[in-house]
Amino acid sequence: MTGLVYVIFGAAVVWVVRAWFWPLAPCRKCDGTKTNSGSTHERFGQCKRCKGSGMRQVLGSRMVHRAVRAALGRKGKR
């Protein structure tokens, strides 16, 4: 049972470190290409999910950043 606790704790630590250092990831719908699947050379369209940025926010990264800022005593928004 304690081995399972260590595995869960380790996975949580890896997730927090990943969310802190790499808060953005490629969009899952367009794979970071910034275009929708129906785009051609004649017709160009932006991905509707990421709105043409090609990136998405990693789950929980905003929460991790807010928690670290609060622990360090910094303001949330500048």
N, C-alpha and C. Protein backbone atom coordinates (compact mmCIF):
# COMPACT_ATOMS: atom_id res chain seq x y z
N MET A 1 0.82 -1.20 0.00
CA MET A 1 0.00 0.00 0.00
C MET A 1 0.86 1.26 0.00
N THR A 2 1.95 1.25 0.76
CA THR A 2 2.80 2.45 0.81
C THR A 2 3.50 2.68 -0.53
N GLY A 3 3.76 1.61 -1.26
CA GLY A 3 4.36 1.77 -2.58
C GLY A 3 3.44 2.52 -3.53
N LEU A 4 2.14 2.25 -3.43
CA LEU A 4 1.15 2.95 -4.25
C LEU A 4 1.09 4.43 -3.88
N VAL A 5 1.21 4.73 -2.60
CA VAL A 5 1.22 6.12 -2.14
C VAL A 5 2.42 6.85 -2.72
N TYR A 6 3.58 6.22 -2.72
CA TYR A 6 4.78 6.83 -3.28
C TYR A 6 4.64 7.07 -4.79
N VAL A 7 4.04 6.15 -5.48
CA VAL A 7 3.83 6.30 -6.92
C VAL A 7 2.88 7.47 -7.20
N ILE A 8 1.79 7.56 -6.45
CA ILE A 8 0.84 8.66 -6.63
C ILE A 8 1.50 9.99 -6.29
N PHE A 9 2.25 10.05 -5.19
CA PHE A 9 2.95 11.27 -4.80
C PHE A 9 3.98 11.67 -5.87
N GLY A 10 4.71 10.70 -6.38
CA GLY A 10 5.70 10.98 -7.43
C GLY A 10 5.05 11.50 -8.70
N ALA A 11 3.92 10.91 -9.07
CA ALA A 11 3.20 11.38 -10.26
C ALA A 11 2.70 12.81 -10.07
N ALA A 12 2.24 13.12 -8.86
CA ALA A 12 1.77 14.48 -8.58
C ALA A 12 2.92 15.48 -8.65
N VAL A 13 4.08 15.10 -8.15
CA VAL A 13 5.25 15.99 -8.21
C VAL A 13 5.66 16.22 -9.66
N VAL A 14 5.68 15.18 -10.46
CA VAL A 14 6.03 15.32 -11.88
C VAL A 14 5.02 16.22 -12.59
N TRP A 15 3.74 16.06 -12.28
CA TRP A 15 2.71 16.89 -12.90
C TRP A 15 2.89 18.36 -12.53
N VAL A 16 3.17 18.65 -11.25
CA VAL A 16 3.35 20.03 -10.81
C VAL A 16 4.57 20.66 -11.47
N VAL A 17 5.67 19.93 -11.54
CA VAL A 17 6.88 20.45 -12.19
C VAL A 17 6.61 20.70 -13.66
N ARG A 18 5.92 19.80 -14.33
CA ARG A 18 5.59 19.98 -15.75
C ARG A 18 4.69 21.19 -15.95
N ALA A 19 3.70 21.37 -15.08
CA ALA A 19 2.77 22.50 -15.20
C ALA A 19 3.47 23.82 -14.91
N TRP A 20 4.50 23.82 -14.06
CA TRP A 20 5.21 25.05 -13.74
C TRP A 20 6.16 25.45 -14.87
N PHE A 21 6.99 24.53 -15.34
CA PHE A 21 8.01 24.88 -16.33
C PHE A 21 7.50 24.88 -17.76
N TRP A 22 6.50 24.06 -18.08
CA TRP A 22 5.96 23.99 -19.43
C TRP A 22 4.45 24.11 -19.38
N PRO A 23 3.90 25.32 -19.16
CA PRO A 23 2.45 25.48 -19.00
C PRO A 23 1.66 25.40 -20.30
N LEU A 24 2.33 25.42 -21.44
CA LEU A 24 1.64 25.34 -22.72
C LEU A 24 2.05 24.08 -23.46
N ALA A 25 1.12 23.55 -24.23
CA ALA A 25 1.35 22.36 -25.03
C ALA A 25 0.67 22.56 -26.38
N PRO A 26 1.06 21.78 -27.39
CA PRO A 26 0.39 21.91 -28.69
C PRO A 26 -1.10 21.59 -28.60
N CYS A 27 -1.89 22.29 -29.39
CA CYS A 27 -3.33 22.05 -29.44
C CYS A 27 -3.58 20.60 -29.86
N ARG A 28 -4.53 19.96 -29.21
CA ARG A 28 -4.80 18.56 -29.52
C ARG A 28 -5.58 18.39 -30.83
N LYS A 29 -6.33 19.41 -31.20
CA LYS A 29 -7.14 19.28 -32.41
C LYS A 29 -6.31 19.48 -33.67
N CYS A 30 -5.45 20.51 -33.68
CA CYS A 30 -4.67 20.81 -34.89
C CYS A 30 -3.22 20.36 -34.78
N ASP A 31 -2.81 19.80 -33.65
CA ASP A 31 -1.43 19.36 -33.39
C ASP A 31 -0.43 20.49 -33.55
N GLY A 32 -0.85 21.71 -33.26
CA GLY A 32 0.05 22.86 -33.32
C GLY A 32 0.22 23.46 -34.69
N THR A 33 -0.55 23.00 -35.69
CA THR A 33 -0.40 23.55 -37.04
C THR A 33 -1.14 24.86 -37.21
N LYS A 34 -2.03 25.19 -36.30
CA LYS A 34 -2.81 26.44 -36.27
C LYS A 34 -3.91 26.51 -37.33
N THR A 35 -4.10 25.47 -38.10
CA THR A 35 -5.14 25.47 -39.13
C THR A 35 -6.13 24.34 -38.85
N ASN A 36 -7.34 24.48 -39.38
CA ASN A 36 -8.31 23.41 -39.20
C ASN A 36 -8.06 22.31 -40.22
N SER A 37 -8.70 21.18 -40.01
CA SER A 37 -8.44 20.02 -40.86
C SER A 37 -8.94 20.19 -42.29
N GLY A 38 -9.85 21.14 -42.53
CA GLY A 38 -10.37 21.36 -43.87
C GLY A 38 -9.61 22.39 -44.68
N SER A 39 -8.51 22.92 -44.13
CA SER A 39 -7.74 23.95 -44.83
C SER A 39 -6.99 23.36 -46.01
N THR A 40 -6.95 24.11 -47.09
CA THR A 40 -6.18 23.74 -48.27
C THR A 40 -5.35 24.94 -48.69
N HIS A 41 -4.61 24.81 -49.79
CA HIS A 41 -3.83 25.94 -50.29
C HIS A 41 -4.74 27.07 -50.77
N GLU A 42 -5.91 26.72 -51.26
CA GLU A 42 -6.84 27.73 -51.76
C GLU A 42 -7.67 28.36 -50.63
N ARG A 43 -7.92 27.57 -49.59
CA ARG A 43 -8.77 28.05 -48.51
C ARG A 43 -8.08 27.78 -47.19
N PHE A 44 -7.85 28.85 -46.43
CA PHE A 44 -7.14 28.75 -45.16
C PHE A 44 -8.10 29.03 -44.02
N GLY A 45 -8.09 28.21 -43.00
CA GLY A 45 -8.95 28.44 -41.84
C GLY A 45 -8.21 28.15 -40.55
N GLN A 46 -8.43 28.97 -39.55
CA GLN A 46 -7.79 28.77 -38.27
C GLN A 46 -8.49 27.67 -37.48
N CYS A 47 -7.74 27.03 -36.62
CA CYS A 47 -8.29 26.02 -35.73
C CYS A 47 -9.28 26.70 -34.79
N LYS A 48 -10.44 26.10 -34.63
CA LYS A 48 -11.47 26.71 -33.79
C LYS A 48 -11.19 26.51 -32.31
N ARG A 49 -10.50 25.46 -31.94
CA ARG A 49 -10.25 25.20 -30.53
C ARG A 49 -9.20 26.15 -29.96
N CYS A 50 -8.09 26.33 -30.67
CA CYS A 50 -7.01 27.19 -30.15
C CYS A 50 -7.05 28.59 -30.76
N LYS A 51 -7.99 28.84 -31.66
CA LYS A 51 -8.15 30.14 -32.33
C LYS A 51 -6.90 30.58 -33.07
N GLY A 52 -6.19 29.61 -33.64
CA GLY A 52 -5.03 29.91 -34.47
C GLY A 52 -3.73 30.09 -33.73
N SER A 53 -3.70 29.88 -32.42
CA SER A 53 -2.44 30.04 -31.68
C SER A 53 -1.59 28.77 -31.76
N GLY A 54 -2.22 27.63 -31.92
CA GLY A 54 -1.49 26.36 -31.99
C GLY A 54 -1.13 25.80 -30.62
N MET A 55 -1.50 26.50 -29.55
CA MET A 55 -1.15 26.07 -28.21
C MET A 55 -2.40 25.94 -27.34
N ARG A 56 -2.26 25.19 -26.26
CA ARG A 56 -3.32 25.05 -25.27
C ARG A 56 -2.69 25.13 -23.89
N GLN A 57 -3.49 25.52 -22.91
CA GLN A 57 -3.04 25.60 -21.52
C GLN A 57 -3.08 24.20 -20.91
N VAL A 58 -2.01 23.80 -20.26
CA VAL A 58 -1.95 22.49 -19.61
C VAL A 58 -2.89 22.50 -18.41
N LEU A 59 -3.58 21.40 -18.21
CA LEU A 59 -4.54 21.26 -17.12
C LEU A 59 -3.87 21.57 -15.77
N GLY A 60 -4.39 22.58 -15.09
CA GLY A 60 -3.91 22.91 -13.76
C GLY A 60 -2.72 23.84 -13.70
N SER A 61 -2.18 24.28 -14.84
CA SER A 61 -0.98 25.11 -14.80
C SER A 61 -1.27 26.48 -14.19
N ARG A 62 -2.45 27.04 -14.42
CA ARG A 62 -2.79 28.32 -13.79
C ARG A 62 -2.86 28.18 -12.28
N MET A 63 -3.44 27.08 -11.81
CA MET A 63 -3.54 26.83 -10.38
C MET A 63 -2.15 26.69 -9.75
N VAL A 64 -1.26 25.99 -10.41
CA VAL A 64 0.10 25.82 -9.90
C VAL A 64 0.81 27.16 -9.82
N HIS A 65 0.69 27.98 -10.86
CA HIS A 65 1.35 29.29 -10.87
C HIS A 65 0.78 30.19 -9.78
N ARG A 66 -0.53 30.18 -9.59
CA ARG A 66 -1.14 31.00 -8.53
C ARG A 66 -0.68 30.54 -7.16
N ALA A 67 -0.60 29.24 -6.94
CA ALA A 67 -0.18 28.72 -5.65
C ALA A 67 1.26 29.08 -5.34
N VAL A 68 2.13 29.00 -6.33
CA VAL A 68 3.54 29.36 -6.11
C VAL A 68 3.67 30.85 -5.84
N ARG A 69 2.93 31.67 -6.61
CA ARG A 69 2.97 33.11 -6.36
C ARG A 69 2.47 33.45 -4.97
N ALA A 70 1.41 32.79 -4.53
CA ALA A 70 0.86 33.04 -3.19
C ALA A 70 1.86 32.60 -2.11
N ALA A 71 2.54 31.49 -2.33
CA ALA A 71 3.53 31.01 -1.36
C ALA A 71 4.72 31.95 -1.27
N LEU A 72 5.06 32.57 -2.38
CA LEU A 72 6.18 33.52 -2.39
C LEU A 72 5.76 34.93 -2.00
N GLY A 73 4.46 35.16 -1.84
CA GLY A 73 3.96 36.46 -1.41
C GLY A 73 3.88 37.48 -2.52
N ARG A 74 3.79 37.05 -3.75
CA ARG A 74 3.68 37.98 -4.89
C ARG A 74 2.23 38.18 -5.26
N LYS A 75 1.96 39.28 -5.94
CA LYS A 75 0.61 39.57 -6.45
C LYS A 75 0.30 38.62 -7.59
N GLY A 76 -1.00 38.31 -7.78
CA GLY A 76 -1.43 37.41 -8.85
C GLY A 76 -1.30 37.99 -10.22
N LYS A 77 -1.83 39.20 -10.43
CA LYS A 77 -1.75 39.85 -11.75
C LYS A 77 -1.02 41.17 -11.61
N ARG A 78 -0.29 41.52 -12.66
CA ARG A 78 0.48 42.76 -12.63
C ARG A 78 -0.20 43.84 -13.38
